[in-house]
Amino acid sequence: MKRIIILLFVIATVTGCKNSTEKSGKLNVVTTTTMITDLVKNIGGDHIDVNGLMGAGVDPHLYKASEGDVSKLYNADVIFYNGLHLEGKLVEVFEKMENQDKMQVALAEVLDKNGLIGSEYFASNYDPHVWFNIQYFKQFAEKVTQVLAEADAENAEFFQKNKQTYLMKLDALETENKATIETLPKEKRILVTAHDAFNYFGEAYDFEVVGLQGLSTVTEAGVQDVQRLSDFIIEKQVKAIFVESSVPRRTIEALQASVVSKGANVTIGGSLFSDALGNPGTDEGTYIGMFRYNVNTIVNSLK
């Protein structure tokens, strides 16, 4: 409660600030996750100013808004976020800003709910990790373009051209992913990760996906979870398991130790990017580079 009061105070104190659009002539756009930040930059290019709240390795499930974040959100012309309660601890801030006349866009709302993966363990009853289905990410691109074009009609054609270029890159990525995954026999397509972030990936590429933790990293894995999954790994003869860049390594190391204690062996195949991209300036710091890295790491480790 004290934190919310402070955040509301910050909102109140910035009401006299000028919007940055008045200074630069560009749309001031705020994004939450790194995947959305990268997408919006690809569409908006140098015709918009983008402020991403979350950086590399940041877990959106646990992310809390700082006073600086609230100031950025208030001064934004457009706010893009994932939705489906991925940014669970930001929801209350968004709700408090509803009367501030801000364009808040939950990108996942464009998706057909019939195509989403349900979960009785998550607040929205849907798995929010929808960016691991490239077809869904294309719909995100369409929505971002529509919103930017409506907010800045003068540059609508520029945004449309950038979208078309980006969609072509996503098509090429999809083709590349399928070719890489085809080199891995179907019986070896079992993906064991730190938390349940790869269900849409598994659905798209015919992998059986098992997470040590649930859909949200808020819930930690217990001893029984570790024991049950180690038995599964031994039964299925899984060669490698994977840590995630935004989840503590210790959970997967505990799982590996459990497998070894039962007389079997499993390697840690590498670190996958799940809820956040890699460092800015690297290939993995982009959505396309992240996806390519993940696919290559998974396939090479499970062969």
Foldseek 3Di string as FASTA:
>chain_A
DVVVVVLVVLLVVCPPPAQCCVVPVAAQEEEEALQVQQLLCLLCPPRHHYHYPDAFLAQLLPDADDSVNSSSQLSGQEYEYQDPCSNVNCVVVVVVCPVSPHHYHNLNVVDDPVPFDADPPGPSRTQSLQVLQVVSVLSSLVVSLVVSCVVPVVCSVSSVVSSVVVVVVSVVLVVVLQVLLVVADLLLQEAEEQEDQCPSNCVVRVHHYHHLHYSRPVDHHDPVSLLVVLVVCVVSVHAEYEYESNDDPVSVVSSQVNNVVVVHGHYHLYYAYGRHFHHPPDLSSHSSSRSVVRSVSSSVRRD
